[in-house]
Amino acid sequence: MDDAEFTAWASGCERTLLRSTYLLTGDLHRAQDLVQEALTKVALRWTRLRGGNPTAYARRIIVRDNVSWWRRTRREVPSDAVPDRGAATAEDPEAALVVTRALARLTAAQRAVLVLRHFDDLTERETAQVLGVSLGTVKSTNAAALARLRTGAPELLDLMGRNT
């Protein structure tokens, strides 16, 4: 394995993966664990992955491992209450809190689609590949999540209006 090449790649994407994973899970410690596991799995396959898209592979690992964890611990129920878990790195703590609370109102599937599509800027097709679902599922889940946010998270709309 080319240690320098892997280290450079991991250093360049770790923060982005952590941010996305935190938004996906709502739990900073679990997010850190998921990112570390994904980086370890990429490292073990680095010679095969380095010529392709190791970041996409890491995202897929994170999403799948999170889904496995979620299935083992039972389905979550969307709630208006957000546990106090410390903010992930954010330039605007108020905005981070609003986004975290809004995402907590979604199901795990809705949150995964929104994070990958709108925070990681993946295409619908890339999101479907990462999640292992059809393109239609991504589209319908995204639409349902956005509709849920429009009706259930007016503070997010206020935040978006304030910044535009």
N, C-alpha and C. Protein backbone atom coordinates (compact mmCIF):
# COMPACT_ATOMS: atom_id res chain seq x y z
N MET A 1 0.85 -1.18 0.00
CA MET A 1 0.00 0.00 0.00
C MET A 1 0.89 1.24 0.00
N ASP A 2 0.49 2.24 -0.76
CA ASP A 2 1.20 3.51 -0.79
C ASP A 2 0.68 4.35 0.38
N ASP A 3 1.41 4.32 1.49
CA ASP A 3 0.97 5.00 2.71
C ASP A 3 0.78 6.50 2.52
N ALA A 4 1.68 7.14 1.82
CA ALA A 4 1.59 8.60 1.64
C ALA A 4 0.36 8.97 0.82
N GLU A 5 0.10 8.20 -0.21
CA GLU A 5 -1.06 8.48 -1.07
C GLU A 5 -2.37 8.28 -0.29
N PHE A 6 -2.46 7.18 0.46
CA PHE A 6 -3.66 6.95 1.27
C PHE A 6 -3.82 8.02 2.33
N THR A 7 -2.75 8.37 3.01
CA THR A 7 -2.80 9.39 4.06
C THR A 7 -3.26 10.73 3.50
N ALA A 8 -2.78 11.09 2.33
CA ALA A 8 -3.20 12.35 1.70
C ALA A 8 -4.69 12.30 1.36
N TRP A 9 -5.14 11.18 0.80
CA TRP A 9 -6.56 11.05 0.48
C TRP A 9 -7.41 11.12 1.74
N ALA A 10 -7.04 10.35 2.76
CA ALA A 10 -7.82 10.29 4.00
C ALA A 10 -7.86 11.66 4.67
N SER A 11 -6.73 12.35 4.70
CA SER A 11 -6.70 13.69 5.32
C SER A 11 -7.59 14.67 4.57
N GLY A 12 -7.66 14.51 3.26
CA GLY A 12 -8.46 15.42 2.45
C GLY A 12 -9.96 15.20 2.54
N CYS A 13 -10.39 13.98 2.86
CA CYS A 13 -11.83 13.72 2.85
C CYS A 13 -12.41 13.44 4.23
N GLU A 14 -11.58 13.27 5.24
CA GLU A 14 -12.08 12.87 6.56
C GLU A 14 -13.07 13.88 7.14
N ARG A 15 -12.78 15.15 7.05
CA ARG A 15 -13.66 16.18 7.62
C ARG A 15 -15.01 16.20 6.92
N THR A 16 -15.00 16.09 5.59
CA THR A 16 -16.25 16.08 4.83
C THR A 16 -17.08 14.84 5.17
N LEU A 17 -16.41 13.70 5.26
CA LEU A 17 -17.12 12.46 5.63
C LEU A 17 -17.70 12.57 7.03
N LEU A 18 -16.94 13.17 7.95
CA LEU A 18 -17.43 13.30 9.32
C LEU A 18 -18.65 14.22 9.38
N ARG A 19 -18.60 15.32 8.66
CA ARG A 19 -19.74 16.24 8.64
C ARG A 19 -20.99 15.55 8.11
N SER A 20 -20.85 14.86 7.01
CA SER A 20 -21.99 14.16 6.41
C SER A 20 -22.50 13.06 7.32
N THR A 21 -21.58 12.33 7.92
CA THR A 21 -21.98 11.23 8.80
C THR A 21 -22.66 11.76 10.05
N TYR A 22 -22.20 12.87 10.58
CA TYR A 22 -22.86 13.48 11.73
C TYR A 22 -24.28 13.89 11.37
N LEU A 23 -24.45 14.49 10.20
CA LEU A 23 -25.80 14.88 9.76
C LEU A 23 -26.66 13.64 9.54
N LEU A 24 -26.07 12.57 9.09
CA LEU A 24 -26.79 11.33 8.86
C LEU A 24 -27.23 10.68 10.16
N THR A 25 -26.36 10.68 11.16
CA THR A 25 -26.64 9.95 12.40
C THR A 25 -27.19 10.83 13.52
N GLY A 26 -26.80 12.10 13.55
CA GLY A 26 -27.18 12.98 14.65
C GLY A 26 -26.38 12.70 15.91
N ASP A 27 -25.36 11.87 15.83
CA ASP A 27 -24.56 11.49 16.98
C ASP A 27 -23.08 11.60 16.60
N LEU A 28 -22.39 12.57 17.19
CA LEU A 28 -21.00 12.83 16.82
C LEU A 28 -20.11 11.63 17.09
N HIS A 29 -20.29 10.96 18.21
CA HIS A 29 -19.42 9.82 18.54
C HIS A 29 -19.64 8.65 17.58
N ARG A 30 -20.89 8.37 17.25
CA ARG A 30 -21.17 7.30 16.29
C ARG A 30 -20.64 7.69 14.92
N ALA A 31 -20.77 8.97 14.57
CA ALA A 31 -20.24 9.45 13.29
C ALA A 31 -18.73 9.24 13.21
N GLN A 32 -18.03 9.58 14.27
CA GLN A 32 -16.59 9.38 14.30
C GLN A 32 -16.23 7.91 14.14
N ASP A 33 -16.97 7.05 14.83
CA ASP A 33 -16.72 5.60 14.72
C ASP A 33 -16.96 5.10 13.30
N LEU A 34 -18.06 5.54 12.70
CA LEU A 34 -18.38 5.11 11.34
C LEU A 34 -17.32 5.56 10.34
N VAL A 35 -16.85 6.79 10.49
CA VAL A 35 -15.82 7.31 9.57
C VAL A 35 -14.52 6.52 9.76
N GLN A 36 -14.14 6.26 11.00
CA GLN A 36 -12.91 5.50 11.24
C GLN A 36 -13.00 4.09 10.65
N GLU A 37 -14.15 3.45 10.82
CA GLU A 37 -14.34 2.12 10.25
C GLU A 37 -14.25 2.17 8.72
N ALA A 38 -14.86 3.17 8.13
CA ALA A 38 -14.82 3.30 6.67
C ALA A 38 -13.39 3.54 6.18
N LEU A 39 -12.66 4.40 6.87
CA LEU A 39 -11.27 4.67 6.46
C LEU A 39 -10.42 3.41 6.59
N THR A 40 -10.66 2.64 7.62
CA THR A 40 -9.93 1.38 7.80
C THR A 40 -10.24 0.41 6.66
N LYS A 41 -11.51 0.30 6.30
CA LYS A 41 -11.89 -0.60 5.22
C LYS A 41 -11.33 -0.14 3.87
N VAL A 42 -11.27 1.17 3.66
CA VAL A 42 -10.67 1.68 2.43
C VAL A 42 -9.17 1.39 2.44
N ALA A 43 -8.52 1.57 3.58
CA ALA A 43 -7.08 1.31 3.68
C ALA A 43 -6.76 -0.14 3.32
N LEU A 44 -7.60 -1.06 3.78
CA LEU A 44 -7.37 -2.47 3.49
C LEU A 44 -7.51 -2.79 2.00
N ARG A 45 -8.25 -1.96 1.28
CA ARG A 45 -8.48 -2.20 -0.15
C ARG A 45 -7.87 -1.09 -1.01
N TRP A 46 -6.94 -0.36 -0.47
CA TRP A 46 -6.41 0.83 -1.13
C TRP A 46 -5.84 0.53 -2.51
N THR A 47 -5.10 -0.54 -2.67
CA THR A 47 -4.48 -0.80 -3.97
C THR A 47 -5.53 -0.96 -5.07
N ARG A 48 -6.69 -1.50 -4.73
CA ARG A 48 -7.76 -1.67 -5.70
C ARG A 48 -8.57 -0.38 -5.89
N LEU A 49 -8.70 0.41 -4.82
CA LEU A 49 -9.59 1.58 -4.85
C LEU A 49 -8.92 2.87 -5.31
N ARG A 50 -7.63 2.98 -5.16
CA ARG A 50 -6.98 4.27 -5.40
C ARG A 50 -7.16 4.81 -6.81
N GLY A 51 -7.32 3.95 -7.78
CA GLY A 51 -7.52 4.40 -9.16
C GLY A 51 -8.96 4.79 -9.47
N GLY A 52 -9.87 4.44 -8.56
CA GLY A 52 -11.29 4.72 -8.79
C GLY A 52 -11.76 5.89 -7.95
N ASN A 53 -12.82 5.66 -7.20
CA ASN A 53 -13.40 6.71 -6.36
C ASN A 53 -13.50 6.19 -4.92
N PRO A 54 -12.40 6.26 -4.17
CA PRO A 54 -12.42 5.73 -2.81
C PRO A 54 -13.39 6.48 -1.88
N THR A 55 -13.66 7.75 -2.18
CA THR A 55 -14.60 8.51 -1.35
C THR A 55 -16.01 7.95 -1.48
N ALA A 56 -16.41 7.60 -2.68
CA ALA A 56 -17.73 7.00 -2.89
C ALA A 56 -17.81 5.67 -2.16
N TYR A 57 -16.75 4.90 -2.21
CA TYR A 57 -16.72 3.62 -1.50
C TYR A 57 -16.85 3.85 0.01
N ALA A 58 -16.14 4.84 0.53
CA ALA A 58 -16.22 5.16 1.97
C ALA A 58 -17.64 5.58 2.34
N ARG A 59 -18.28 6.41 1.52
CA ARG A 59 -19.67 6.81 1.79
C ARG A 59 -20.59 5.61 1.83
N ARG A 60 -20.41 4.71 0.89
CA ARG A 60 -21.26 3.52 0.84
C ARG A 60 -21.08 2.69 2.11
N ILE A 61 -19.86 2.53 2.56
CA ILE A 61 -19.58 1.80 3.80
C ILE A 61 -20.28 2.48 4.97
N ILE A 62 -20.15 3.79 5.05
CA ILE A 62 -20.75 4.55 6.16
C ILE A 62 -22.25 4.37 6.18
N VAL A 63 -22.89 4.53 5.04
CA VAL A 63 -24.35 4.41 4.98
C VAL A 63 -24.78 3.00 5.32
N ARG A 64 -24.12 2.01 4.77
CA ARG A 64 -24.50 0.62 5.04
C ARG A 64 -24.27 0.23 6.50
N ASP A 65 -23.12 0.65 7.06
CA ASP A 65 -22.86 0.36 8.46
C ASP A 65 -23.86 1.06 9.37
N ASN A 66 -24.25 2.27 9.00
CA ASN A 66 -25.24 2.99 9.79
C ASN A 66 -26.60 2.30 9.73
N VAL A 67 -26.97 1.85 8.54
CA VAL A 67 -28.24 1.13 8.39
C VAL A 67 -28.21 -0.16 9.21
N SER A 68 -27.09 -0.86 9.17
CA SER A 68 -26.97 -2.09 9.96
C SER A 68 -27.12 -1.79 11.45
N TRP A 69 -26.48 -0.75 11.91
CA TRP A 69 -26.60 -0.36 13.32
C TRP A 69 -28.06 -0.01 13.65
N TRP A 70 -28.67 0.75 12.76
CA TRP A 70 -30.05 1.19 12.96
C TRP A 70 -30.99 0.00 13.03
N ARG A 71 -30.79 -0.98 12.17
CA ARG A 71 -31.63 -2.17 12.18
C ARG A 71 -31.45 -2.98 13.46
N ARG A 72 -30.23 -3.05 13.94
CA ARG A 72 -29.98 -3.80 15.18
C ARG A 72 -30.62 -3.14 16.39
N THR A 73 -30.69 -1.82 16.39
CA THR A 73 -31.19 -1.09 17.56
C THR A 73 -32.64 -0.66 17.42
N ARG A 74 -33.31 -1.14 16.41
CA ARG A 74 -34.72 -0.86 16.13
C ARG A 74 -34.87 0.47 15.40
N ARG A 75 -36.03 0.57 14.83
CA ARG A 75 -36.34 1.78 14.06
C ARG A 75 -36.49 2.99 14.97
N GLU A 76 -35.99 4.10 14.48
CA GLU A 76 -36.13 5.33 15.23
C GLU A 76 -37.45 5.99 14.88
N VAL A 77 -37.94 6.80 15.78
CA VAL A 77 -39.18 7.53 15.56
C VAL A 77 -38.82 9.01 15.47
N PRO A 78 -39.20 9.68 14.38
CA PRO A 78 -38.90 11.11 14.29
C PRO A 78 -39.46 11.85 15.50
N SER A 79 -38.71 12.83 15.95
CA SER A 79 -39.09 13.56 17.15
C SER A 79 -38.71 15.02 17.01
N ASP A 80 -39.45 15.88 17.68
CA ASP A 80 -39.10 17.29 17.69
C ASP A 80 -37.95 17.56 18.65
N ALA A 81 -37.74 16.67 19.60
CA ALA A 81 -36.68 16.85 20.59
C ALA A 81 -35.35 16.38 20.01
N VAL A 82 -34.33 17.20 20.15
CA VAL A 82 -33.00 16.86 19.69
C VAL A 82 -32.09 16.74 20.91
N PRO A 83 -31.44 15.59 21.07
CA PRO A 83 -30.55 15.45 22.20
C PRO A 83 -29.39 16.42 22.10
N ASP A 84 -28.88 16.85 23.24
CA ASP A 84 -27.74 17.75 23.27
C ASP A 84 -26.49 16.93 23.05
N ARG A 85 -25.93 17.01 21.85
CA ARG A 85 -24.79 16.16 21.51
C ARG A 85 -23.59 16.96 21.04
N GLY A 86 -23.54 18.22 21.26
CA GLY A 86 -22.41 19.00 20.80
C GLY A 86 -22.45 19.17 19.30
N ALA A 87 -22.11 20.32 18.81
CA ALA A 87 -22.20 20.59 17.39
C ALA A 87 -20.99 20.07 16.64
N ALA A 88 -21.24 19.56 15.46
CA ALA A 88 -20.14 19.21 14.57
C ALA A 88 -19.54 20.52 14.10
N THR A 89 -18.40 20.47 13.50
CA THR A 89 -17.75 21.70 13.09
C THR A 89 -18.68 22.52 12.21
N ALA A 90 -18.93 23.74 12.62
CA ALA A 90 -19.83 24.61 11.87
C ALA A 90 -19.39 26.04 12.06
N GLU A 91 -19.53 26.81 11.01
CA GLU A 91 -19.17 28.22 11.10
C GLU A 91 -20.26 29.01 11.81
N ASP A 92 -21.50 28.57 11.68
CA ASP A 92 -22.63 29.25 12.30
C ASP A 92 -23.36 28.27 13.21
N PRO A 93 -23.08 28.32 14.52
CA PRO A 93 -23.70 27.34 15.43
C PRO A 93 -25.22 27.38 15.41
N GLU A 94 -25.81 28.55 15.23
CA GLU A 94 -27.27 28.66 15.19
C GLU A 94 -27.81 27.91 13.97
N ALA A 95 -27.17 28.09 12.84
CA ALA A 95 -27.60 27.39 11.63
C ALA A 95 -27.42 25.88 11.79
N ALA A 96 -26.32 25.47 12.40
CA ALA A 96 -26.08 24.03 12.63
C ALA A 96 -27.17 23.43 13.51
N LEU A 97 -27.58 24.17 14.52
CA LEU A 97 -28.63 23.68 15.42
C LEU A 97 -29.97 23.57 14.68
N VAL A 98 -30.29 24.56 13.86
CA VAL A 98 -31.53 24.54 13.09
C VAL A 98 -31.53 23.34 12.13
N VAL A 99 -30.41 23.12 11.44
CA VAL A 99 -30.33 22.00 10.49
C VAL A 99 -30.43 20.68 11.24
N THR A 100 -29.73 20.55 12.36
CA THR A 100 -29.76 19.31 13.14
C THR A 100 -31.17 19.00 13.62
N ARG A 101 -31.85 20.00 14.13
CA ARG A 101 -33.23 19.80 14.59
C ARG A 101 -34.16 19.42 13.44
N ALA A 102 -33.97 20.07 12.31
CA ALA A 102 -34.82 19.76 11.15
C ALA A 102 -34.58 18.32 10.68
N LEU A 103 -33.32 17.91 10.60
CA LEU A 103 -33.00 16.56 10.16
C LEU A 103 -33.51 15.51 11.14
N ALA A 104 -33.57 15.85 12.42
CA ALA A 104 -34.05 14.91 13.43
C ALA A 104 -35.53 14.59 13.25
N ARG A 105 -36.25 15.41 12.52
CA ARG A 105 -37.68 15.19 12.28
C ARG A 105 -37.93 14.20 11.15
N LEU A 106 -36.88 13.78 10.48
CA LEU A 106 -37.02 12.88 9.34
C LEU A 106 -36.73 11.44 9.74
N THR A 107 -37.19 10.53 8.90
CA THR A 107 -36.82 9.13 9.11
C THR A 107 -35.36 8.96 8.70
N ALA A 108 -34.78 7.84 9.06
CA ALA A 108 -33.37 7.59 8.71
C ALA A 108 -33.17 7.59 7.20
N ALA A 109 -34.09 7.01 6.46
CA ALA A 109 -33.97 6.96 4.99
C ALA A 109 -34.06 8.36 4.40
N GLN A 110 -35.00 9.15 4.88
CA GLN A 110 -35.15 10.52 4.38
C GLN A 110 -33.89 11.34 4.69
N ARG A 111 -33.37 11.18 5.89
CA ARG A 111 -32.18 11.93 6.30
C ARG A 111 -30.99 11.52 5.44
N ALA A 112 -30.84 10.22 5.16
CA ALA A 112 -29.73 9.75 4.34
C ALA A 112 -29.79 10.35 2.94
N VAL A 113 -30.97 10.35 2.35
CA VAL A 113 -31.12 10.91 1.00
C VAL A 113 -30.82 12.41 1.00
N LEU A 114 -31.36 13.15 1.96
CA LEU A 114 -31.11 14.60 2.00
C LEU A 114 -29.65 14.92 2.22
N VAL A 115 -29.00 14.21 3.12
CA VAL A 115 -27.58 14.49 3.39
C VAL A 115 -26.75 14.22 2.14
N LEU A 116 -26.96 13.08 1.51
CA LEU A 116 -26.17 12.75 0.33
C LEU A 116 -26.47 13.68 -0.85
N ARG A 117 -27.75 13.99 -1.06
CA ARG A 117 -28.13 14.83 -2.20
C ARG A 117 -27.77 16.30 -1.99
N HIS A 118 -28.11 16.84 -0.82
CA HIS A 118 -28.04 18.29 -0.66
C HIS A 118 -26.84 18.79 0.14
N PHE A 119 -26.24 17.93 0.96
CA PHE A 119 -25.06 18.36 1.70
C PHE A 119 -23.79 17.87 1.03
N ASP A 120 -23.84 16.64 0.47
CA ASP A 120 -22.68 16.10 -0.24
C ASP A 120 -22.73 16.37 -1.73
N ASP A 121 -23.82 16.94 -2.21
CA ASP A 121 -24.00 17.29 -3.63
C ASP A 121 -23.83 16.10 -4.57
N LEU A 122 -24.32 14.94 -4.15
CA LEU A 122 -24.31 13.79 -5.05
C LEU A 122 -25.51 13.88 -5.97
N THR A 123 -25.38 13.31 -7.14
CA THR A 123 -26.52 13.26 -8.06
C THR A 123 -27.52 12.24 -7.53
N GLU A 124 -28.70 12.23 -8.12
CA GLU A 124 -29.70 11.24 -7.72
C GLU A 124 -29.18 9.82 -7.98
N ARG A 125 -28.52 9.65 -9.11
CA ARG A 125 -27.98 8.33 -9.47
C ARG A 125 -26.88 7.91 -8.48
N GLU A 126 -25.98 8.82 -8.14
CA GLU A 126 -24.92 8.49 -7.18
C GLU A 126 -25.51 8.17 -5.80
N THR A 127 -26.53 8.92 -5.41
CA THR A 127 -27.20 8.67 -4.13
C THR A 127 -27.83 7.28 -4.13
N ALA A 128 -28.48 6.92 -5.22
CA ALA A 128 -29.09 5.59 -5.33
C ALA A 128 -28.03 4.50 -5.22
N GLN A 129 -26.89 4.72 -5.85
CA GLN A 129 -25.81 3.72 -5.79
C GLN A 129 -25.27 3.57 -4.37
N VAL A 130 -25.06 4.69 -3.68
CA VAL A 130 -24.54 4.64 -2.32
C VAL A 130 -25.52 3.93 -1.40
N LEU A 131 -26.81 4.23 -1.55
CA LEU A 131 -27.82 3.66 -0.67
C LEU A 131 -28.27 2.26 -1.11
N GLY A 132 -27.92 1.89 -2.33
CA GLY A 132 -28.34 0.58 -2.83
C GLY A 132 -29.83 0.50 -3.09
N VAL A 133 -30.41 1.61 -3.56
CA VAL A 133 -31.84 1.66 -3.87
C VAL A 133 -32.02 2.14 -5.31
N SER A 134 -33.25 2.13 -5.77
CA SER A 134 -33.51 2.57 -7.14
C SER A 134 -33.51 4.10 -7.22
N LEU A 135 -33.37 4.58 -8.43
CA LEU A 135 -33.40 6.02 -8.68
C LEU A 135 -34.77 6.59 -8.28
N GLY A 136 -35.83 5.87 -8.57
CA GLY A 136 -37.17 6.31 -8.19
C GLY A 136 -37.35 6.43 -6.69
N THR A 137 -36.73 5.53 -5.94
CA THR A 137 -36.80 5.59 -4.48
C THR A 137 -36.11 6.85 -3.97
N VAL A 138 -34.97 7.19 -4.55
CA VAL A 138 -34.28 8.41 -4.16
C VAL A 138 -35.15 9.63 -4.44
N LYS A 139 -35.75 9.66 -5.61
CA LYS A 139 -36.58 10.81 -5.98
C LYS A 139 -37.79 10.95 -5.06
N SER A 140 -38.48 9.85 -4.81
CA SER A 140 -39.68 9.93 -3.97
C SER A 140 -39.33 10.21 -2.51
N THR A 141 -38.25 9.63 -2.02
CA THR A 141 -37.83 9.88 -0.64
C THR A 141 -37.38 11.31 -0.47
N ASN A 142 -36.67 11.85 -1.44
CA ASN A 142 -36.24 13.25 -1.40
C ASN A 142 -37.45 14.17 -1.38
N ALA A 143 -38.42 13.90 -2.24
CA ALA A 143 -39.62 14.74 -2.30
C ALA A 143 -40.39 14.68 -0.97
N ALA A 144 -40.53 13.50 -0.41
CA ALA A 144 -41.24 13.35 0.86
C ALA A 144 -40.51 14.06 1.99
N ALA A 145 -39.19 13.95 2.00
CA ALA A 145 -38.40 14.61 3.05
C ALA A 145 -38.51 16.13 2.95
N LEU A 146 -38.40 16.65 1.74
CA LEU A 146 -38.51 18.10 1.57
C LEU A 146 -39.91 18.59 1.95
N ALA A 147 -40.93 17.83 1.59
CA ALA A 147 -42.30 18.21 1.96
C ALA A 147 -42.45 18.20 3.48
N ARG A 148 -41.88 17.21 4.12
CA ARG A 148 -41.95 17.12 5.59
C ARG A 148 -41.24 18.31 6.23
N LEU A 149 -40.11 18.71 5.68
CA LEU A 149 -39.39 19.87 6.22
C LEU A 149 -40.16 21.17 5.99
N ARG A 150 -40.80 21.28 4.82
CA ARG A 150 -41.57 22.50 4.55
C ARG A 150 -42.69 22.70 5.57
N THR A 151 -43.34 21.60 5.94
CA THR A 151 -44.47 21.73 6.88
C THR A 151 -44.03 21.64 8.33
N GLY A 152 -42.97 20.88 8.61
CA GLY A 152 -42.60 20.65 10.00
C GLY A 152 -41.40 21.40 10.52
N ALA A 153 -40.71 22.11 9.66
CA ALA A 153 -39.51 22.82 10.10
C ALA A 153 -39.46 24.23 9.51
N PRO A 154 -40.42 25.08 9.91
CA PRO A 154 -40.45 26.43 9.35
C PRO A 154 -39.19 27.24 9.69
N GLU A 155 -38.53 26.89 10.81
CA GLU A 155 -37.31 27.61 11.17
C GLU A 155 -36.21 27.39 10.14
N LEU A 156 -36.22 26.23 9.47
CA LEU A 156 -35.25 25.98 8.42
C LEU A 156 -35.53 26.87 7.22
N LEU A 157 -36.80 27.03 6.88
CA LEU A 157 -37.16 27.93 5.79
C LEU A 157 -36.80 29.37 6.13
N ASP A 158 -37.01 29.75 7.40
CA ASP A 158 -36.62 31.10 7.85
C ASP A 158 -35.11 31.29 7.68
N LEU A 159 -34.35 30.28 8.06
CA LEU A 159 -32.89 30.35 7.95
C LEU A 159 -32.47 30.48 6.48
N MET A 160 -33.10 29.71 5.60
CA MET A 160 -32.78 29.78 4.18
C MET A 160 -33.16 31.14 3.62
N GLY A 161 -34.30 31.68 4.04
CA GLY A 161 -34.74 32.99 3.58
C GLY A 161 -33.84 34.10 4.05
N ARG A 162 -33.30 33.92 5.26
CA ARG A 162 -32.42 34.92 5.85
C ARG A 162 -31.09 34.98 5.09
N ASN A 163 -30.65 33.83 4.57
CA ASN A 163 -29.35 33.76 3.92
C ASN A 163 -29.42 34.05 2.42
N THR A 164 -30.61 34.24 1.88
CA THR A 164 -30.68 34.47 0.43
C THR A 164 -30.93 35.93 0.13
